[in-house]
Amino acid sequence: AVLGCVKDRVCITDQRCVDKTYPEFWDHATTNLGLSYQVYDPKSGSEGGDKDKLTKPASVVLTGMRAAGKTTLAQAGRDGFGLEMVDMDHVFKAKKGMEIKDFVASCGGEFSEFRAIEARLLLEAYQEHPTGAIIACGGGIVETEEGRDALRAAPGAIVWYFADEAF
């Protein structure tokens, strides 16, 4: 079911599998994770509705510090689950016509202008990709209130990806 939050058409053949250990699971998954599901009837082999009307899962934001492996993990989400991948570094470069490091250098080495733009671009990414995407965003987004507000507005889960330096 958790996989169903990022991958369409996951089939769980026994909805009662959570009855003993987590009876509220389906309500929580729907309310808190945006999981959309239909009951499958194994006897008739049909779903309780039109399977073509199933909704895509809410987009997921993957964030973490430089060199943690966000891009690699986002690519795995794209390739393995058929999600659209949105790399915010590439979005910035496309919108501003330069690399982040060059933009920051043009601002005298100060990150404040970049952080403000980064938060606005993340909000735009949600509007353009509210479902079916994994959005890779640099961990510095948490450094400003505007960035944290942008994360709070995420349509789906936010995943902080951390890799040990020894990795």
Protein backbone atom coordinates (compact mmCIF):
# COMPACT_ATOMS: atom_id res chain seq x y z
CA ALA A 1 0.00 0.00 0.00
CA VAL A 2 2.86 2.40 0.74
CA LEU A 3 4.28 1.61 -2.68
CA GLY A 4 0.86 2.52 -4.07
CA CYS A 5 1.49 6.12 -2.97
CA VAL A 6 4.12 6.45 -5.70
CA LYS A 7 3.22 3.70 -8.18
CA ASP A 8 -0.07 3.34 -10.02
CA ARG A 9 -1.92 0.06 -10.20
CA VAL A 10 -0.48 -1.74 -7.18
CA CYS A 11 -2.81 -4.62 -6.45
CA ILE A 12 -3.28 -5.76 -2.85
CA THR A 13 -5.41 -8.87 -2.97
CA ASP A 14 -6.37 -8.88 0.71
CA GLN A 15 -7.49 -5.52 2.00
CA ARG A 16 -7.96 -7.13 5.43
CA CYS A 17 -4.20 -7.74 5.77
CA VAL A 18 -3.98 -4.74 8.11
CA ASP A 19 -7.05 -5.52 10.25
CA LYS A 20 -5.11 -6.90 13.23
CA THR A 21 -2.04 -4.66 13.41
CA TYR A 22 -3.29 -1.37 11.93
CA PRO A 23 -7.06 -1.34 11.39
CA GLU A 24 -7.04 2.41 10.65
CA PHE A 25 -4.45 1.98 7.89
CA TRP A 26 -6.73 2.55 4.89
CA ASP A 27 -8.31 5.66 6.41
CA HIS A 28 -4.90 7.08 7.38
CA ALA A 29 -3.36 6.27 4.00
CA THR A 30 -6.21 8.00 2.21
CA THR A 31 -6.33 11.03 4.51
CA ASN A 32 -2.63 11.57 5.22
CA LEU A 33 -0.88 10.19 2.14
CA GLY A 34 -3.46 10.86 -0.55
CA LEU A 35 -3.68 7.18 -1.45
CA SER A 36 -6.50 6.41 -3.83
CA TYR A 37 -7.71 2.84 -3.92
CA GLN A 38 -10.53 0.65 -5.06
CA VAL A 39 -11.56 -2.66 -3.58
CA TYR A 40 -10.68 -5.60 -5.77
CA ASP A 41 -13.05 -8.54 -5.83
CA PRO A 42 -10.94 -11.67 -6.41
CA LYS A 43 -14.01 -13.78 -7.16
CA SER A 44 -15.13 -11.67 -10.10
CA GLY A 45 -11.69 -10.35 -10.98
CA SER A 46 -12.97 -6.80 -11.08
CA GLU A 47 -12.37 -3.58 -9.26
CA GLY A 48 -15.14 -1.62 -7.63
CA GLY A 49 -15.15 1.04 -10.34
CA ASP A 50 -13.57 2.16 -13.56
CA LYS A 51 -9.85 1.41 -13.33
CA ASP A 52 -9.08 4.07 -15.94
CA LYS A 53 -10.35 6.69 -13.51
CA LEU A 54 -7.78 5.86 -10.83
CA THR A 55 -5.90 8.99 -9.85
CA LYS A 56 -2.14 9.38 -9.96
CA PRO A 57 -0.45 9.59 -6.57
CA ALA A 58 0.50 12.99 -5.19
CA SER A 59 3.98 14.08 -6.20
CA VAL A 60 6.79 13.40 -3.74
CA VAL A 61 9.56 15.86 -2.86
CA LEU A 62 12.96 14.30 -2.35
CA THR A 63 15.39 16.60 -0.58
CA GLY A 64 18.78 16.31 1.04
CA MET A 65 22.19 17.85 1.04
CA ARG A 66 24.67 17.91 -1.84
CA ALA A 67 26.06 14.52 -2.93
CA ALA A 68 23.54 12.56 -0.85
CA GLY A 69 22.32 10.79 -4.00
CA LYS A 70 19.00 12.57 -4.59
CA THR A 71 19.34 12.56 -8.34
CA THR A 72 20.19 8.86 -8.43
CA LEU A 73 17.26 8.02 -6.17
CA ALA A 74 14.91 10.24 -8.18
CA GLN A 75 16.05 8.51 -11.39
CA ALA A 76 15.30 5.15 -9.77
CA GLY A 77 11.81 6.42 -8.93
CA ARG A 78 11.38 7.57 -12.50
CA ASP A 79 12.68 4.36 -14.05
CA GLY A 80 11.28 1.87 -11.56
CA PHE A 81 7.87 3.38 -10.92
CA GLY A 82 7.22 5.35 -14.08
CA LEU A 83 7.17 8.67 -12.22
CA GLU A 84 8.07 11.92 -13.88
CA MET A 85 11.36 13.25 -12.53
CA VAL A 86 11.72 16.97 -11.86
CA ASP A 87 15.24 18.05 -10.88
CA MET A 88 15.00 21.53 -9.37
CA ASP A 89 18.64 22.28 -10.23
CA HIS A 90 17.76 21.78 -13.90
CA VAL A 91 14.59 23.85 -13.50
CA PHE A 92 16.65 26.71 -12.05
CA LYS A 93 19.17 26.54 -14.88
CA ALA A 94 16.41 26.51 -17.51
CA LYS A 95 14.63 29.50 -15.94
CA LYS A 96 17.71 31.58 -15.14
CA GLY A 97 20.04 30.50 -17.96
CA MET A 98 22.94 29.74 -15.64
CA GLU A 99 24.19 27.26 -13.08
CA ILE A 100 23.33 27.86 -9.43
CA LYS A 101 26.97 28.42 -8.47
CA ASP A 102 27.31 31.11 -11.16
CA PHE A 103 24.09 32.81 -10.03
CA VAL A 104 25.26 32.84 -6.40
CA ALA A 105 28.64 34.19 -7.50
CA SER A 106 26.83 36.99 -9.39
CA CYS A 107 25.15 37.85 -6.06
CA GLY A 108 28.49 38.30 -4.32
CA GLY A 109 28.45 34.78 -2.92
CA GLU A 110 25.24 35.40 -0.97
CA PHE A 111 22.56 32.70 -1.19
CA SER A 112 19.55 34.78 -0.10
CA GLU A 113 18.35 35.67 -3.62
CA PHE A 114 18.86 32.09 -4.79
CA ARG A 115 16.91 30.72 -1.79
CA ALA A 116 13.97 33.02 -2.55
CA ILE A 117 13.91 31.95 -6.20
CA GLU A 118 14.33 28.30 -5.20
CA ALA A 119 11.21 28.45 -2.99
CA ARG A 120 9.14 30.11 -5.71
CA LEU A 121 10.28 27.55 -8.30
CA LEU A 122 9.37 24.70 -5.97
CA LEU A 123 5.86 26.09 -5.59
CA GLU A 124 5.62 26.37 -9.38
CA ALA A 125 6.76 22.75 -9.69
CA TYR A 126 3.85 21.68 -7.47
CA GLN A 127 1.43 23.52 -9.73
CA GLU A 128 2.91 21.96 -12.86
CA HIS A 129 3.36 18.46 -11.35
CA PRO A 130 0.87 17.94 -8.51
CA THR A 131 0.70 14.21 -9.18
CA GLY A 132 2.85 11.42 -10.55
CA ALA A 133 6.25 13.08 -10.08
CA ILE A 134 9.29 12.84 -7.88
CA ILE A 135 10.74 16.32 -7.35
CA ALA A 136 14.44 16.41 -6.39
CA CYS A 137 15.26 19.56 -4.43
CA GLY A 138 18.43 20.66 -2.66
CA GLY A 139 18.50 20.42 1.13
CA GLY A 140 19.25 24.11 1.50
CA ILE A 141 15.54 24.73 0.90
CA VAL A 142 15.09 24.35 4.68
CA GLU A 143 17.34 27.33 5.43
CA THR A 144 14.66 30.00 4.98
CA GLU A 145 11.10 30.36 6.20
CA GLU A 146 9.98 30.84 2.60
CA GLY A 147 11.65 27.53 1.68
CA ARG A 148 10.10 25.71 4.64
CA ASP A 149 6.70 27.13 3.71
CA ALA A 150 7.21 25.84 0.17
CA LEU A 151 7.95 22.37 1.54
CA ARG A 152 4.84 22.50 3.73
CA ALA A 153 2.80 23.13 0.59
CA ALA A 154 3.99 19.87 -0.98
CA PRO A 155 1.12 17.91 -2.54
CA GLY A 156 2.46 14.61 -1.18
CA ALA A 157 5.21 13.28 1.03
CA ILE A 158 8.54 14.99 1.66
CA VAL A 159 11.50 12.65 1.95
CA TRP A 160 14.79 13.85 3.47
CA TYR A 161 17.51 11.71 1.93
CA PHE A 162 20.69 11.37 3.92
CA ALA A 163 23.91 9.57 3.02
CA ASP A 164 26.71 9.06 5.51
CA GLU A 165 29.94 10.79 4.48
CA ALA A 166 31.68 7.40 4.60
CA PHE A 167 29.32 6.25 1.89
